[in-house]
Amino acid sequence: MVTSGRQWAVSAEPVRWFERVSWWEAQRRMPRGLSRVDVEVLQVQVRLGSNPKSALTTMTLVRDGLGGSWRLRESVADAA
């Protein structure tokens, strides 16, 4: 995985779940092209580069319902 020019190595099996989209809180109608009301979320633990001793970072990724691409919701570096 590459973000902001950095290469990340996945260190653990990703955790996947679905969340309900509350589109009605921000809009009066369901957005065009949105064929579902759930979004796919992945939580991935990664290390910077190929150094097995680098600190773990937990990233939460959300799949874009329209384009199918992933966007970073949150990134938390473990304090080690």
C-alpha atoms as a PDB file:
ATOM      1  CA  MET A   1       0.000   0.000   0.000  1.00  0.00           C
ATOM      2  CA  VAL A   2       1.368   3.457  -0.891  1.00  0.00           C
ATOM      3  CA  THR A   3       0.109   6.732   0.647  1.00  0.00           C
ATOM      4  CA  SER A   4       1.692  10.172   0.355  1.00  0.00           C
ATOM      5  CA  GLY A   5       4.736   8.670  -1.335  1.00  0.00           C
ATOM      6  CA  ARG A   6       5.345   6.217   1.522  1.00  0.00           C
ATOM      7  CA  GLN A   7       5.205   2.471   1.149  1.00  0.00           C
ATOM      8  CA  TRP A   8       3.388   0.538   3.890  1.00  0.00           C
ATOM      9  CA  ALA A   9       3.568  -3.211   4.535  1.00  0.00           C
ATOM     10  CA  VAL A  10       0.433  -4.888   5.904  1.00  0.00           C
ATOM     11  CA  SER A  11       1.351  -6.577   9.205  1.00  0.00           C
ATOM     12  CA  ALA A  12      -1.889  -8.311  10.203  1.00  0.00           C
ATOM     13  CA  GLU A  13      -5.017  -9.693   8.593  1.00  0.00           C
ATOM     14  CA  PRO A  14      -7.390  -6.758   7.780  1.00  0.00           C
ATOM     15  CA  VAL A  15     -10.670  -6.541   9.694  1.00  0.00           C
ATOM     16  CA  ARG A  16     -13.736  -5.821   7.530  1.00  0.00           C
ATOM     17  CA  TRP A  17     -17.217  -4.611   8.419  1.00  0.00           C
ATOM     18  CA  PHE A  18     -20.114  -2.580   7.017  1.00  0.00           C
ATOM     19  CA  GLU A  19     -21.613   0.631   8.405  1.00  0.00           C
ATOM     20  CA  ARG A  20     -24.961   2.274   7.734  1.00  0.00           C
ATOM     21  CA  VAL A  21     -24.736   5.570   5.822  1.00  0.00           C
ATOM     22  CA  SER A  22     -26.914   8.304   7.362  1.00  0.00           C
ATOM     23  CA  TRP A  23     -27.390  10.210   4.091  1.00  0.00           C
ATOM     24  CA  TRP A  24     -30.714  11.624   5.322  1.00  0.00           C
ATOM     25  CA  GLU A  25     -28.913  13.711   7.971  1.00  0.00           C
ATOM     26  CA  ALA A  26     -27.124  15.788   5.329  1.00  0.00           C
ATOM     27  CA  GLN A  27     -29.462  15.587   2.315  1.00  0.00           C
ATOM     28  CA  ARG A  28     -33.157  15.447   1.570  1.00  0.00           C
ATOM     29  CA  ARG A  29     -32.800  12.726  -1.062  1.00  0.00           C
ATOM     30  CA  MET A  30     -30.543   9.719  -1.500  1.00  0.00           C
ATOM     31  CA  PRO A  31     -27.509  10.800  -3.565  1.00  0.00           C
ATOM     32  CA  ARG A  32     -27.657   9.837  -7.221  1.00  0.00           C
ATOM     33  CA  GLY A  33     -25.734   6.683  -8.026  1.00  0.00           C
ATOM     34  CA  LEU A  34     -25.786   5.466  -4.420  1.00  0.00           C
ATOM     35  CA  SER A  35     -27.314   2.040  -4.807  1.00  0.00           C
ATOM     36  CA  ARG A  36     -26.812   0.957  -1.221  1.00  0.00           C
ATOM     37  CA  VAL A  37     -26.977   2.460   2.223  1.00  0.00           C
ATOM     38  CA  ASP A  38     -24.043   0.587   3.722  1.00  0.00           C
ATOM     39  CA  VAL A  39     -20.350   1.301   3.229  1.00  0.00           C
ATOM     40  CA  GLU A  40     -17.498  -1.171   3.484  1.00  0.00           C
ATOM     41  CA  VAL A  41     -14.814  -0.389   6.070  1.00  0.00           C
ATOM     42  CA  LEU A  42     -11.382  -1.986   6.480  1.00  0.00           C
ATOM     43  CA  GLN A  43      -9.087  -1.637   9.463  1.00  0.00           C
ATOM     44  CA  VAL A  44      -5.500  -2.486   8.576  1.00  0.00           C
ATOM     45  CA  GLN A  45      -2.348  -2.606  10.703  1.00  0.00           C
ATOM     46  CA  VAL A  46       0.704  -1.570   8.712  1.00  0.00           C
ATOM     47  CA  ARG A  47       4.410  -0.850   9.162  1.00  0.00           C
ATOM     48  CA  LEU A  48       6.346   1.816   7.294  1.00  0.00           C
ATOM     49  CA  GLY A  49       8.551   0.243   4.642  1.00  0.00           C
ATOM     50  CA  SER A  50       9.989  -3.238   4.995  1.00  0.00           C
ATOM     51  CA  ASN A  51      11.484  -2.726   8.476  1.00  0.00           C
ATOM     52  CA  PRO A  52       9.828  -5.320  10.778  1.00  0.00           C
ATOM     53  CA  LYS A  53      10.823  -3.222  13.814  1.00  0.00           C
ATOM     54  CA  SER A  54       9.043  -0.034  12.711  1.00  0.00           C
ATOM     55  CA  ALA A  55       6.027   1.012  14.775  1.00  0.00           C
ATOM     56  CA  LEU A  56       2.595  -0.268  13.813  1.00  0.00           C
ATOM     57  CA  THR A  57       0.043   2.166  12.436  1.00  0.00           C
ATOM     58  CA  THR A  58      -3.661   1.340  12.365  1.00  0.00           C
ATOM     59  CA  MET A  59      -5.479   2.722   9.320  1.00  0.00           C
ATOM     60  CA  THR A  60      -9.226   2.787   8.827  1.00  0.00           C
ATOM     61  CA  LEU A  61     -10.237   2.811   5.158  1.00  0.00           C
ATOM     62  CA  VAL A  62     -13.719   3.405   3.707  1.00  0.00           C
ATOM     63  CA  ARG A  63     -14.785   2.278   0.223  1.00  0.00           C
ATOM     64  CA  ASP A  64     -16.207   5.027  -1.974  1.00  0.00           C
ATOM     65  CA  GLY A  65     -19.692   3.902  -2.981  1.00  0.00           C
ATOM     66  CA  LEU A  66     -19.590   5.614  -6.373  1.00  0.00           C
ATOM     67  CA  GLY A  67     -16.103   4.904  -7.680  1.00  0.00           C
ATOM     68  CA  GLY A  68     -15.188   1.854  -5.656  1.00  0.00           C
ATOM     69  CA  SER A  69     -11.896   3.373  -4.520  1.00  0.00           C
ATOM     70  CA  TRP A  70     -10.746   3.511  -0.903  1.00  0.00           C
ATOM     71  CA  ARG A  71     -10.197   6.660   1.179  1.00  0.00           C
ATOM     72  CA  LEU A  72      -8.390   7.009   4.473  1.00  0.00           C
ATOM     73  CA  ARG A  73     -10.769   7.849   7.331  1.00  0.00           C
ATOM     74  CA  GLU A  74      -8.277   7.653  10.197  1.00  0.00           C
ATOM     75  CA  SER A  75      -4.659   6.771  10.852  1.00  0.00           C
ATOM     76  CA  VAL A  76      -3.373   6.144  14.385  1.00  0.00           C
ATOM     77  CA  ALA A  77       0.301   5.417  15.098  1.00  0.00           C
ATOM     78  CA  ASP A  78       0.897   3.093  18.014  1.00  0.00           C
ATOM     79  CA  ALA A  79       2.998   4.580  20.777  1.00  0.00           C
ATOM     80  CA  ALA A  80       5.951   2.294  21.191  1.00  0.00           C
END
